[in-house]
Amino acid sequence: MRQARLMKVFVTRRIPPEGRAALAQASDCEVEQWDSDEPIPTRELERGVAGAHGLLCLLSDRVDKKLLDTAGANLKVISTLSVGVDHLALDEIKKRGIRVGYTPDVLTDATAELAVSLLLTTCRRLPEAIEEVKNGGWTSWKPLWMCGYGLTESTVGIIGLGRIGQAIARRLKPFGVKRFLYTGRQPRPQEAAEFQAEFVPTAQLAAESDFIVVACSLTPATRGLCNKDFFQLMKTTAVFVNISRGDVVNQDDLYQALASGQFAGAGLDVTTPEPLPTSHPLLSLKNCVVLPHIGSATHGTRNTMSLLAANNLLAGLRGEPMPSELKL
């Protein structure tokens, strides 16, 4: 009896062990992996994807028309180790009948925890305080030294009350937040009821919030949403946090606003580009905390993401329902 031909799978990065194990156990697949924690060079990506039936990629891998052409007609499934899909040319992928798997839900809690951590780190000026301990700036207790802003009785504005936005609000509520505002494509009364959150225009959210957390998807409507006009509306005591996508924020406008003291501080887990060059002006500001996109970076979450991405890929290759398929 003739043995069935193995399906070629290409993985663009070294992935956590649970996902790796699931792929290794797939007897109907021949798996090749770019065995590095660093991004795959374009030439290697093109070589690896040529003739592949399945591609497991990361948010940093741009899957555009050129790469799809290089892959050829064999490519049936793309599985991304992310909830975001703005790195995928979805119109072109849909045109070719390629199925797409992604990893929503599993990173919600970890990302919400990071958002709250970043908000507290920024509003209580923790990096500055740590630096003062190290450089000898800590001399004695001073009534006005290193004062920041607290959450009790505050107004929190959330841009995007999706899964992650709700999880952030759920974690902030016990801090004594008095009022939640949110904005988005449309009101979400059922989800907002848990926090008595009010659906308001973006301008009102900017003007009335003590803390603003950006948790929306990157779309044409949200690209550059937080710009000079937005920042000018904010309170001088407000704190701004972005854990969504760097392109939602105009970083030049953000720098000018922070440098001129238009509002108190900003915490960013996402930037444009990533990584942010060490010479970037934002990194010169004491009132700007920048993290290297670690929203989902817990061992448990990354393992769960890798297993889901692997299972999406294998199910798609076998013509089965994916655990998490993006509907195109």
C-alpha atoms as a PDB file:
ATOM      1  CA  MET A   1       0.000   0.000   0.000  1.00  0.00           C
ATOM      2  CA  ARG A   2       1.389   3.380  -0.988  1.00  0.00           C
ATOM      3  CA  GLN A   3       2.171   5.670   1.951  1.00  0.00           C
ATOM      4  CA  ALA A   4       0.309   9.004   2.037  1.00  0.00           C
ATOM      5  CA  ARG A   5       2.480  11.983   1.233  1.00  0.00           C
ATOM      6  CA  LEU A   6       3.424  14.063   4.272  1.00  0.00           C
ATOM      7  CA  MET A   7       2.154  17.622   4.508  1.00  0.00           C
ATOM      8  CA  LYS A   8       4.910  20.211   4.776  1.00  0.00           C
ATOM      9  CA  VAL A   9       4.661  22.604   7.727  1.00  0.00           C
ATOM     10  CA  PHE A  10       6.932  25.579   8.293  1.00  0.00           C
ATOM     11  CA  VAL A  11       7.258  27.252  11.712  1.00  0.00           C
ATOM     12  CA  THR A  12       8.863  30.700  11.689  1.00  0.00           C
ATOM     13  CA  ARG A  13      10.312  30.699  15.213  1.00  0.00           C
ATOM     14  CA  ARG A  14      11.215  28.512  18.172  1.00  0.00           C
ATOM     15  CA  ILE A  15       7.887  28.077  19.998  1.00  0.00           C
ATOM     16  CA  PRO A  16       7.052  26.969  23.577  1.00  0.00           C
ATOM     17  CA  PRO A  17       7.245  23.237  24.364  1.00  0.00           C
ATOM     18  CA  GLU A  18       3.556  22.263  24.365  1.00  0.00           C
ATOM     19  CA  GLY A  19       2.995  23.513  20.822  1.00  0.00           C
ATOM     20  CA  ARG A  20       6.276  22.039  19.663  1.00  0.00           C
ATOM     21  CA  ALA A  21       5.321  18.643  21.108  1.00  0.00           C
ATOM     22  CA  ALA A  22       1.916  18.676  19.384  1.00  0.00           C
ATOM     23  CA  LEU A  23       3.558  19.281  16.007  1.00  0.00           C
ATOM     24  CA  ALA A  24       6.222  16.646  16.629  1.00  0.00           C
ATOM     25  CA  GLN A  25       3.530  14.036  17.287  1.00  0.00           C
ATOM     26  CA  ALA A  26       1.715  14.754  14.009  1.00  0.00           C
ATOM     27  CA  SER A  27       2.625  11.714  11.931  1.00  0.00           C
ATOM     28  CA  ASP A  28       1.007  13.175   8.805  1.00  0.00           C
ATOM     29  CA  CYS A  29       3.240  16.264   8.786  1.00  0.00           C
ATOM     30  CA  GLU A  30       6.847  17.046   8.009  1.00  0.00           C
ATOM     31  CA  VAL A  31       7.734  19.978  10.239  1.00  0.00           C
ATOM     32  CA  GLU A  32      10.568  22.426   9.651  1.00  0.00           C
ATOM     33  CA  GLN A  33      11.232  25.162  12.207  1.00  0.00           C
ATOM     34  CA  TRP A  34      13.409  28.264  12.178  1.00  0.00           C
ATOM     35  CA  ASP A  35      15.271  27.268  15.336  1.00  0.00           C
ATOM     36  CA  SER A  36      15.915  30.646  16.894  1.00  0.00           C
ATOM     37  CA  ASP A  37      14.305  33.137  19.272  1.00  0.00           C
ATOM     38  CA  GLU A  38      15.202  35.913  16.839  1.00  0.00           C
ATOM     39  CA  PRO A  39      13.074  36.878  13.793  1.00  0.00           C
ATOM     40  CA  ILE A  40      13.591  34.838  10.670  1.00  0.00           C
ATOM     41  CA  PRO A  41      15.352  36.678   7.799  1.00  0.00           C
ATOM     42  CA  THR A  42      13.132  37.316   4.782  1.00  0.00           C
ATOM     43  CA  ARG A  43      15.178  35.051   2.519  1.00  0.00           C
ATOM     44  CA  GLU A  44      14.899  32.141   4.959  1.00  0.00           C
ATOM     45  CA  LEU A  45      11.181  32.731   5.399  1.00  0.00           C
ATOM     46  CA  GLU A  46      10.642  32.626   1.646  1.00  0.00           C
ATOM     47  CA  ARG A  47      12.736  29.479   1.345  1.00  0.00           C
ATOM     48  CA  GLY A  48      10.890  27.765   4.196  1.00  0.00           C
ATOM     49  CA  VAL A  49       7.384  28.640   3.066  1.00  0.00           C
ATOM     50  CA  ALA A  50       7.877  27.587  -0.569  1.00  0.00           C
ATOM     51  CA  GLY A  51       5.674  24.582  -1.226  1.00  0.00           C
ATOM     52  CA  ALA A  52       4.409  24.446   2.374  1.00  0.00           C
ATOM     53  CA  HIS A  53       0.883  23.251   3.142  1.00  0.00           C
ATOM     54  CA  GLY A  54       0.802  24.972   6.520  1.00  0.00           C
ATOM     55  CA  LEU A  55       2.509  28.013   8.053  1.00  0.00           C
ATOM     56  CA  LEU A  56       2.765  28.752  11.778  1.00  0.00           C
ATOM     57  CA  CYS A  57       3.869  32.370  12.152  1.00  0.00           C
ATOM     58  CA  LEU A  58       4.216  35.180  14.659  1.00  0.00           C
ATOM     59  CA  LEU A  59       2.952  38.741  14.841  1.00  0.00           C
ATOM     60  CA  SER A  60       6.331  39.968  13.597  1.00  0.00           C
ATOM     61  CA  ASP A  61       6.128  37.916  10.379  1.00  0.00           C
ATOM     62  CA  ARG A  62       4.521  39.916   7.579  1.00  0.00           C
ATOM     63  CA  VAL A  63       2.486  37.572   5.415  1.00  0.00           C
ATOM     64  CA  ASP A  64       1.826  39.641   2.306  1.00  0.00           C
ATOM     65  CA  LYS A  65       1.004  38.925  -1.342  1.00  0.00           C
ATOM     66  CA  LYS A  66       4.643  38.378  -2.224  1.00  0.00           C
ATOM     67  CA  LEU A  67       5.102  35.744   0.476  1.00  0.00           C
ATOM     68  CA  LEU A  68       1.837  34.036  -0.481  1.00  0.00           C
ATOM     69  CA  ASP A  69       3.000  33.915  -4.101  1.00  0.00           C
ATOM     70  CA  THR A  70       6.277  32.378  -2.948  1.00  0.00           C
ATOM     71  CA  ALA A  71       4.408  29.782  -0.892  1.00  0.00           C
ATOM     72  CA  GLY A  72       2.415  28.664  -3.890  1.00  0.00           C
ATOM     73  CA  ALA A  73      -0.828  26.767  -4.334  1.00  0.00           C
ATOM     74  CA  ASN A  74      -0.071  24.153  -1.678  1.00  0.00           C
ATOM     75  CA  LEU A  75      -0.612  26.595   1.204  1.00  0.00           C
ATOM     76  CA  LYS A  76      -3.948  25.787   2.852  1.00  0.00           C
ATOM     77  CA  VAL A  77      -3.567  27.008   6.434  1.00  0.00           C
ATOM     78  CA  ILE A  78      -1.911  29.913   8.252  1.00  0.00           C
ATOM     79  CA  SER A  79      -1.859  29.726  12.037  1.00  0.00           C
ATOM     80  CA  THR A  80      -0.628  32.799  13.895  1.00  0.00           C
ATOM     81  CA  LEU A  81       0.638  32.723  17.461  1.00  0.00           C
ATOM     82  CA  SER A  82      -1.270  35.906  18.300  1.00  0.00           C
ATOM     83  CA  VAL A  83      -4.707  37.386  18.760  1.00  0.00           C
ATOM     84  CA  GLY A  84      -3.825  40.277  16.422  1.00  0.00           C
ATOM     85  CA  VAL A  85      -3.901  39.644  12.677  1.00  0.00           C
ATOM     86  CA  ASP A  86      -2.823  42.999  11.238  1.00  0.00           C
ATOM     87  CA  HIS A  87       0.384  41.335   9.963  1.00  0.00           C
ATOM     88  CA  LEU A  88      -1.673  39.150   7.605  1.00  0.00           C
ATOM     89  CA  ALA A  89      -2.899  40.272   4.172  1.00  0.00           C
ATOM     90  CA  LEU A  90      -6.402  38.982   4.921  1.00  0.00           C
ATOM     91  CA  ASP A  91      -8.031  40.043   1.631  1.00  0.00           C
ATOM     92  CA  GLU A  92      -5.378  38.192  -0.348  1.00  0.00           C
ATOM     93  CA  ILE A  93      -5.564  35.183   1.980  1.00  0.00           C
ATOM     94  CA  LYS A  94      -9.345  35.012   1.629  1.00  0.00           C
ATOM     95  CA  LYS A  95      -9.073  35.260  -2.157  1.00  0.00           C
ATOM     96  CA  ARG A  96      -6.860  32.166  -2.162  1.00  0.00           C
ATOM     97  CA  GLY A  97      -9.160  30.156   0.101  1.00  0.00           C
ATOM     98  CA  ILE A  98      -6.537  29.829   2.853  1.00  0.00           C
ATOM     99  CA  ARG A  99      -7.852  29.200   6.357  1.00  0.00           C
ATOM    100  CA  VAL A 100      -6.516  31.249   9.274  1.00  0.00           C
ATOM    101  CA  GLY A 101      -6.173  30.235  12.905  1.00  0.00           C
ATOM    102  CA  TYR A 102      -5.388  32.646  15.751  1.00  0.00           C
ATOM    103  CA  THR A 103      -5.207  32.636  19.564  1.00  0.00           C
ATOM    104  CA  PRO A 104      -7.905  34.820  21.162  1.00  0.00           C
ATOM    105  CA  ASP A 105      -9.127  34.467  24.769  1.00  0.00           C
ATOM    106  CA  VAL A 106      -6.083  32.565  26.033  1.00  0.00           C
ATOM    107  CA  LEU A 107      -3.994  35.720  26.502  1.00  0.00           C
ATOM    108  CA  THR A 108      -6.774  37.916  27.926  1.00  0.00           C
ATOM    109  CA  ASP A 109      -5.909  37.473  31.603  1.00  0.00           C
ATOM    110  CA  ALA A 110      -2.152  37.841  31.186  1.00  0.00           C
ATOM    111  CA  THR A 111      -2.558  40.986  29.064  1.00  0.00           C
ATOM    112  CA  ALA A 112      -5.045  42.511  31.514  1.00  0.00           C
ATOM    113  CA  GLU A 113      -2.650  41.826  34.406  1.00  0.00           C
ATOM    114  CA  LEU A 114       0.153  43.519  32.490  1.00  0.00           C
ATOM    115  CA  ALA A 115      -2.072  46.516  31.698  1.00  0.00           C
ATOM    116  CA  VAL A 116      -2.858  47.028  35.384  1.00  0.00           C
ATOM    117  CA  SER A 117       0.815  46.545  36.302  1.00  0.00           C
ATOM    118  CA  LEU A 118       1.851  49.122  33.707  1.00  0.00           C
ATOM    119  CA  LEU A 119      -0.812  51.576  34.842  1.00  0.00           C
ATOM    120  CA  LEU A 120       0.292  51.319  38.492  1.00  0.00           C
ATOM    121  CA  THR A 121       3.971  51.461  37.531  1.00  0.00           C
ATOM    122  CA  THR A 122       3.371  54.653  35.572  1.00  0.00           C
ATOM    123  CA  CYS A 123       0.985  56.485  37.881  1.00  0.00           C
ATOM    124  CA  ARG A 124       3.066  55.764  41.002  1.00  0.00           C
ATOM    125  CA  ARG A 125       6.329  56.554  39.161  1.00  0.00           C
ATOM    126  CA  LEU A 126       8.020  53.285  40.107  1.00  0.00           C
ATOM    127  CA  PRO A 127      10.901  53.396  37.578  1.00  0.00           C
ATOM    128  CA  GLU A 128      11.810  56.900  38.779  1.00  0.00           C
ATOM    129  CA  ALA A 129      11.621  55.780  42.413  1.00  0.00           C
ATOM    130  CA  ILE A 130      13.847  52.751  41.788  1.00  0.00           C
ATOM    131  CA  GLU A 131      16.380  54.949  40.031  1.00  0.00           C
ATOM    132  CA  GLU A 132      16.420  57.373  42.976  1.00  0.00           C
ATOM    133  CA  VAL A 133      17.263  54.505  45.331  1.00  0.00           C
ATOM    134  CA  LYS A 134      20.126  53.440  43.065  1.00  0.00           C
ATOM    135  CA  ASN A 135      21.612  56.885  42.361  1.00  0.00           C
ATOM    136  CA  GLY A 136      21.516  58.274  45.885  1.00  0.00           C
ATOM    137  CA  GLY A 137      18.548  60.553  45.348  1.00  0.00           C
ATOM    138  CA  TRP A 138      16.784  58.961  48.331  1.00  0.00           C
ATOM    139  CA  THR A 139      17.935  61.116  51.246  1.00  0.00           C
ATOM    140  CA  SER A 140      15.030  61.377  53.694  1.00  0.00           C
ATOM    141  CA  TRP A 141      11.238  61.209  53.778  1.00  0.00           C
ATOM    142  CA  LYS A 142       9.791  64.269  52.058  1.00  0.00           C
ATOM    143  CA  PRO A 143       6.061  65.092  51.955  1.00  0.00           C
ATOM    144  CA  LEU A 144       5.945  66.009  48.270  1.00  0.00           C
ATOM    145  CA  TRP A 145       8.719  63.816  46.869  1.00  0.00           C
ATOM    146  CA  MET A 146       7.878  61.139  44.258  1.00  0.00           C
ATOM    147  CA  CYS A 147       4.131  61.708  44.523  1.00  0.00           C
ATOM    148  CA  GLY A 148       1.979  60.147  41.849  1.00  0.00           C
ATOM    149  CA  TYR A 149      -1.727  59.542  41.333  1.00  0.00           C
ATOM    150  CA  GLY A 150      -4.041  56.920  42.844  1.00  0.00           C
ATOM    151  CA  LEU A 151      -7.033  54.995  41.519  1.00  0.00           C
ATOM    152  CA  THR A 152      -9.406  55.551  44.440  1.00  0.00           C
ATOM    153  CA  GLU A 153     -12.415  57.667  43.420  1.00  0.00           C
ATOM    154  CA  SER A 154     -10.957  58.056  39.916  1.00  0.00           C
ATOM    155  CA  THR A 155     -12.492  57.914  36.444  1.00  0.00           C
ATOM    156  CA  VAL A 156     -11.032  55.287  34.129  1.00  0.00           C
ATOM    157  CA  GLY A 157     -11.590  55.473  30.368  1.00  0.00           C
ATOM    158  CA  ILE A 158     -11.141  52.330  28.299  1.00  0.00           C
ATOM    159  CA  ILE A 159     -10.834  52.548  24.531  1.00  0.00           C
ATOM    160  CA  GLY A 160     -12.188  49.194  23.348  1.00  0.00           C
ATOM    161  CA  LEU A 161     -14.368  47.247  25.797  1.00  0.00           C
ATOM    162  CA  GLY A 162     -13.671  43.859  24.239  1.00  0.00           C
ATOM    163  CA  ARG A 163     -12.412  40.789  26.090  1.00  0.00           C
ATOM    164  CA  ILE A 164      -9.202  42.447  27.242  1.00  0.00           C
ATOM    165  CA  GLY A 165     -10.859  45.790  28.002  1.00  0.00           C
ATOM    166  CA  GLN A 166     -13.425  44.065  30.205  1.00  0.00           C
ATOM    167  CA  ALA A 167     -10.730  42.042  31.970  1.00  0.00           C
ATOM    168  CA  ILE A 168      -8.827  45.257  32.713  1.00  0.00           C
ATOM    169  CA  ALA A 169     -11.948  46.956  34.122  1.00  0.00           C
ATOM    170  CA  ARG A 170     -12.679  43.866  36.243  1.00  0.00           C
ATOM    171  CA  ARG A 171      -9.219  44.096  37.813  1.00  0.00           C
ATOM    172  CA  LEU A 172      -9.326  47.869  38.340  1.00  0.00           C
ATOM    173  CA  LYS A 173     -12.768  47.982  39.963  1.00  0.00           C
ATOM    174  CA  PRO A 174     -11.588  46.723  43.393  1.00  0.00           C
ATOM    175  CA  PHE A 175      -9.112  49.625  43.574  1.00  0.00           C
ATOM    176  CA  GLY A 176     -12.077  51.904  44.243  1.00  0.00           C
ATOM    177  CA  VAL A 177     -12.549  53.345  40.761  1.00  0.00           C
ATOM    178  CA  LYS A 178     -15.600  55.616  40.925  1.00  0.00           C
ATOM    179  CA  ARG A 179     -16.556  55.705  37.243  1.00  0.00           C
ATOM    180  CA  PHE A 180     -15.775  53.791  34.071  1.00  0.00           C
ATOM    181  CA  LEU A 181     -16.113  55.295  30.591  1.00  0.00           C
ATOM    182  CA  TYR A 182     -15.611  53.441  27.332  1.00  0.00           C
ATOM    183  CA  THR A 183     -15.649  54.060  23.618  1.00  0.00           C
ATOM    184  CA  GLY A 184     -15.714  51.787  20.593  1.00  0.00           C
ATOM    185  CA  ARG A 185     -17.543  51.000  17.373  1.00  0.00           C
ATOM    186  CA  GLN A 186     -20.843  50.663  19.192  1.00  0.00           C
ATOM    187  CA  PRO A 187     -22.306  50.532  22.719  1.00  0.00           C
ATOM    188  CA  ARG A 188     -21.953  47.196  24.553  1.00  0.00           C
ATOM    189  CA  PRO A 189     -24.597  47.543  27.284  1.00  0.00           C
ATOM    190  CA  GLN A 190     -24.524  43.889  28.335  1.00  0.00           C
ATOM    191  CA  GLU A 191     -20.748  43.848  28.872  1.00  0.00           C
ATOM    192  CA  ALA A 192     -20.700  47.376  30.344  1.00  0.00           C
ATOM    193  CA  ALA A 193     -23.324  46.575  32.983  1.00  0.00           C
ATOM    194  CA  GLU A 194     -20.803  44.729  35.194  1.00  0.00           C
ATOM    195  CA  PHE A 195     -18.859  47.994  35.667  1.00  0.00           C
ATOM    196  CA  GLN A 196     -21.735  50.476  35.180  1.00  0.00           C
ATOM    197  CA  ALA A 197     -19.539  51.761  32.365  1.00  0.00           C
ATOM    198  CA  GLU A 198     -20.822  54.656  30.244  1.00  0.00           C
ATOM    199  CA  PHE A 199     -20.474  54.672  26.446  1.00  0.00           C
ATOM    200  CA  VAL A 200     -19.199  58.133  25.473  1.00  0.00           C
ATOM    201  CA  PRO A 201     -17.575  59.860  22.481  1.00  0.00           C
ATOM    202  CA  THR A 202     -13.797  59.598  22.321  1.00  0.00           C
ATOM    203  CA  ALA A 203     -13.362  63.314  23.033  1.00  0.00           C
ATOM    204  CA  GLN A 204     -15.413  63.076  26.233  1.00  0.00           C
ATOM    205  CA  LEU A 205     -13.434  60.039  27.372  1.00  0.00           C
ATOM    206  CA  ALA A 206     -10.172  61.938  26.819  1.00  0.00           C
ATOM    207  CA  ALA A 207     -11.397  65.008  28.704  1.00  0.00           C
ATOM    208  CA  GLU A 208     -12.998  63.317  31.723  1.00  0.00           C
ATOM    209  CA  SER A 209     -10.717  60.343  32.461  1.00  0.00           C
ATOM    210  CA  ASP A 210      -8.002  60.278  35.106  1.00  0.00           C
ATOM    211  CA  PHE A 211      -6.604  57.103  33.553  1.00  0.00           C
ATOM    212  CA  ILE A 212      -6.947  56.071  29.915  1.00  0.00           C
ATOM    213  CA  VAL A 213      -6.245  52.519  28.770  1.00  0.00           C
ATOM    214  CA  VAL A 214      -6.132  51.717  25.051  1.00  0.00           C
ATOM    215  CA  ALA A 215      -7.276  48.130  24.456  1.00  0.00           C
ATOM    216  CA  CYS A 216      -8.843  48.288  20.988  1.00  0.00           C
ATOM    217  CA  SER A 217      -7.963  46.449  17.793  1.00  0.00           C
ATOM    218  CA  LEU A 218      -5.936  48.211  15.123  1.00  0.00           C
ATOM    219  CA  THR A 219      -8.312  49.160  12.297  1.00  0.00           C
ATOM    220  CA  PRO A 220      -8.433  52.006   9.777  1.00  0.00           C
ATOM    221  CA  ALA A 221     -10.708  53.809  12.243  1.00  0.00           C
ATOM    222  CA  THR A 222      -8.356  53.429  15.224  1.00  0.00           C
ATOM    223  CA  ARG A 223      -5.035  54.036  13.444  1.00  0.00           C
ATOM    224  CA  GLY A 224      -3.648  57.312  14.816  1.00  0.00           C
ATOM    225  CA  LEU A 225      -6.717  57.742  17.051  1.00  0.00           C
ATOM    226  CA  CYS A 226      -4.658  59.022  19.976  1.00  0.00           C
ATOM    227  CA  ASN A 227      -3.043  62.111  18.489  1.00  0.00           C
ATOM    228  CA  LYS A 228      -2.384  65.770  19.241  1.00  0.00           C
ATOM    229  CA  ASP A 229      -6.101  66.621  19.348  1.00  0.00           C
ATOM    230  CA  PHE A 230      -6.787  63.728  21.728  1.00  0.00           C
ATOM    231  CA  PHE A 231      -3.889  64.569  24.068  1.00  0.00           C
ATOM    232  CA  GLN A 232      -4.854  68.248  24.225  1.00  0.00           C
ATOM    233  CA  LEU A 233      -8.193  67.240  25.734  1.00  0.00           C
ATOM    234  CA  MET A 234      -6.653  65.218  28.561  1.00  0.00           C
ATOM    235  CA  LYS A 235      -6.327  66.409  32.163  1.00  0.00           C
ATOM    236  CA  THR A 236      -2.844  67.572  33.175  1.00  0.00           C
ATOM    237  CA  THR A 237      -2.961  64.915  35.914  1.00  0.00           C
ATOM    238  CA  ALA A 238      -4.055  62.055  33.622  1.00  0.00           C
ATOM    239  CA  VAL A 239      -2.125  58.873  32.871  1.00  0.00           C
ATOM    240  CA  PHE A 240      -2.254  57.169  29.461  1.00  0.00           C
ATOM    241  CA  VAL A 241      -1.607  53.445  28.882  1.00  0.00           C
ATOM    242  CA  ASN A 242      -1.464  51.579  25.560  1.00  0.00           C
ATOM    243  CA  ILE A 243      -1.465  47.766  25.414  1.00  0.00           C
ATOM    244  CA  SER A 244      -3.179  47.419  22.030  1.00  0.00           C
ATOM    245  CA  ARG A 245      -1.066  48.308  18.981  1.00  0.00           C
ATOM    246  CA  GLY A 246       1.567  50.988  18.546  1.00  0.00           C
ATOM    247  CA  ASP A 247      -0.099  52.476  15.465  1.00  0.00           C
ATOM    248  CA  VAL A 248      -3.183  53.491  17.457  1.00  0.00           C
ATOM    249  CA  VAL A 249      -0.976  56.254  18.877  1.00  0.00           C
ATOM    250  CA  ASN A 250       0.780  59.060  17.027  1.00  0.00           C
ATOM    251  CA  GLN A 251       4.104  58.779  18.862  1.00  0.00           C
ATOM    252  CA  ASP A 252       5.438  62.162  17.728  1.00  0.00           C
ATOM    253  CA  ASP A 253       2.349  63.818  19.188  1.00  0.00           C
ATOM    254  CA  LEU A 254       2.683  61.704  22.333  1.00  0.00           C
ATOM    255  CA  TYR A 255       6.275  62.811  22.830  1.00  0.00           C
ATOM    256  CA  GLN A 256       5.376  66.486  22.434  1.00  0.00           C
ATOM    257  CA  ALA A 257       2.472  66.158  24.883  1.00  0.00           C
ATOM    258  CA  LEU A 258       4.584  64.399  27.528  1.00  0.00           C
ATOM    259  CA  ALA A 259       7.601  66.665  27.099  1.00  0.00           C
ATOM    260  CA  SER A 260       5.457  69.784  27.483  1.00  0.00           C
ATOM    261  CA  GLY A 261       3.582  68.431  30.512  1.00  0.00           C
ATOM    262  CA  GLN A 262       0.149  68.257  28.878  1.00  0.00           C
ATOM    263  CA  PHE A 263      -0.580  65.198  31.009  1.00  0.00           C
ATOM    264  CA  ALA A 264       1.212  63.321  33.770  1.00  0.00           C
ATOM    265  CA  GLY A 265       2.612  60.194  32.160  1.00  0.00           C
ATOM    266  CA  ALA A 266       2.332  57.333  29.713  1.00  0.00           C
ATOM    267  CA  GLY A 267       2.923  53.596  29.872  1.00  0.00           C
ATOM    268  CA  LEU A 268       3.413  51.707  26.602  1.00  0.00           C
ATOM    269  CA  ASP A 269       3.670  47.961  26.039  1.00  0.00           C
ATOM    270  CA  VAL A 270       3.417  48.467  22.276  1.00  0.00           C
ATOM    271  CA  THR A 271       5.240  50.904  20.001  1.00  0.00           C
ATOM    272  CA  THR A 272       5.978  51.697  16.375  1.00  0.00           C
ATOM    273  CA  PRO A 273       8.336  50.248  15.384  1.00  0.00           C
ATOM    274  CA  GLU A 274       9.055  47.244  17.574  1.00  0.00           C
ATOM    275  CA  PRO A 275      11.639  47.155  18.960  1.00  0.00           C
ATOM    276  CA  LEU A 276      11.762  50.879  19.604  1.00  0.00           C
ATOM    277  CA  PRO A 277      15.234  52.261  18.771  1.00  0.00           C
ATOM    278  CA  THR A 278      17.231  53.074  21.901  1.00  0.00           C
ATOM    279  CA  SER A 279      17.692  56.609  20.544  1.00  0.00           C
ATOM    280  CA  HIS A 280      13.929  57.243  20.352  1.00  0.00           C
ATOM    281  CA  PRO A 281      12.909  60.512  22.089  1.00  0.00           C
ATOM    282  CA  LEU A 282      10.232  58.764  24.195  1.00  0.00           C
ATOM    283  CA  LEU A 283      12.968  56.843  26.005  1.00  0.00           C
ATOM    284  CA  SER A 284      14.520  60.112  27.199  1.00  0.00           C
ATOM    285  CA  LEU A 285      11.419  61.022  29.210  1.00  0.00           C
ATOM    286  CA  LYS A 286      11.078  60.185  32.910  1.00  0.00           C
ATOM    287  CA  ASN A 287       7.299  60.221  32.616  1.00  0.00           C
ATOM    288  CA  CYS A 288       7.151  57.559  29.887  1.00  0.00           C
ATOM    289  CA  VAL A 289       7.450  53.859  30.766  1.00  0.00           C
ATOM    290  CA  VAL A 290       8.094  51.609  27.752  1.00  0.00           C
ATOM    291  CA  LEU A 291       7.924  47.801  27.905  1.00  0.00           C
ATOM    292  CA  PRO A 292       8.991  45.394  25.113  1.00  0.00           C
ATOM    293  CA  HIS A 293       5.505  44.067  24.182  1.00  0.00           C
ATOM    294  CA  ILE A 294       5.240  41.526  27.025  1.00  0.00           C
ATOM    295  CA  GLY A 295       1.457  41.560  27.512  1.00  0.00           C
ATOM    296  CA  SER A 296       1.071  37.799  27.147  1.00  0.00           C
ATOM    297  CA  ALA A 297       4.500  36.898  28.567  1.00  0.00           C
ATOM    298  CA  THR A 298       3.725  34.344  31.248  1.00  0.00           C
ATOM    299  CA  HIS A 299       4.992  30.775  30.897  1.00  0.00           C
ATOM    300  CA  GLY A 300       1.465  29.370  31.134  1.00  0.00           C
ATOM    301  CA  THR A 301      -0.061  31.754  28.610  1.00  0.00           C
ATOM    302  CA  ARG A 302       2.661  31.327  26.005  1.00  0.00           C
ATOM    303  CA  ASN A 303       2.477  27.536  26.308  1.00  0.00           C
ATOM    304  CA  THR A 304      -1.306  27.633  25.908  1.00  0.00           C
ATOM    305  CA  MET A 305      -0.980  29.952  22.903  1.00  0.00           C
ATOM    306  CA  SER A 306       1.554  27.660  21.236  1.00  0.00           C
ATOM    307  CA  LEU A 307      -0.616  24.583  21.745  1.00  0.00           C
ATOM    308  CA  LEU A 308      -3.678  26.362  20.366  1.00  0.00           C
ATOM    309  CA  ALA A 309      -1.697  27.616  17.359  1.00  0.00           C
ATOM    310  CA  ALA A 310      -0.411  24.084  16.680  1.00  0.00           C
ATOM    311  CA  ASN A 311      -3.876  22.553  17.029  1.00  0.00           C
ATOM    312  CA  ASN A 312      -5.369  25.221  14.738  1.00  0.00           C
ATOM    313  CA  LEU A 313      -2.754  24.388  12.118  1.00  0.00           C
ATOM    314  CA  LEU A 314      -3.197  20.610  12.334  1.00  0.00           C
ATOM    315  CA  ALA A 315      -7.001  20.781  12.300  1.00  0.00           C
ATOM    316  CA  GLY A 316      -6.931  23.048   9.266  1.00  0.00           C
ATOM    317  CA  LEU A 317      -4.563  20.760   7.378  1.00  0.00           C
ATOM    318  CA  ARG A 318      -6.794  17.762   8.116  1.00  0.00           C
ATOM    319  CA  GLY A 319      -9.946  19.556   6.995  1.00  0.00           C
ATOM    320  CA  GLU A 320     -11.356  19.619  10.511  1.00  0.00           C
ATOM    321  CA  PRO A 321     -12.892  22.491  12.505  1.00  0.00           C
ATOM    322  CA  MET A 322     -10.181  24.641  14.088  1.00  0.00           C
ATOM    323  CA  PRO A 323     -10.366  25.369  17.818  1.00  0.00           C
ATOM    324  CA  SER A 324     -10.048  29.097  16.965  1.00  0.00           C
ATOM    325  CA  GLU A 325     -10.562  29.984  13.309  1.00  0.00           C
ATOM    326  CA  LEU A 326     -10.704  33.545  12.073  1.00  0.00           C
ATOM    327  CA  LYS A 327     -13.799  33.949   9.945  1.00  0.00           C
ATOM    328  CA  LEU A 328     -12.801  35.670   6.715  1.00  0.00           C
END
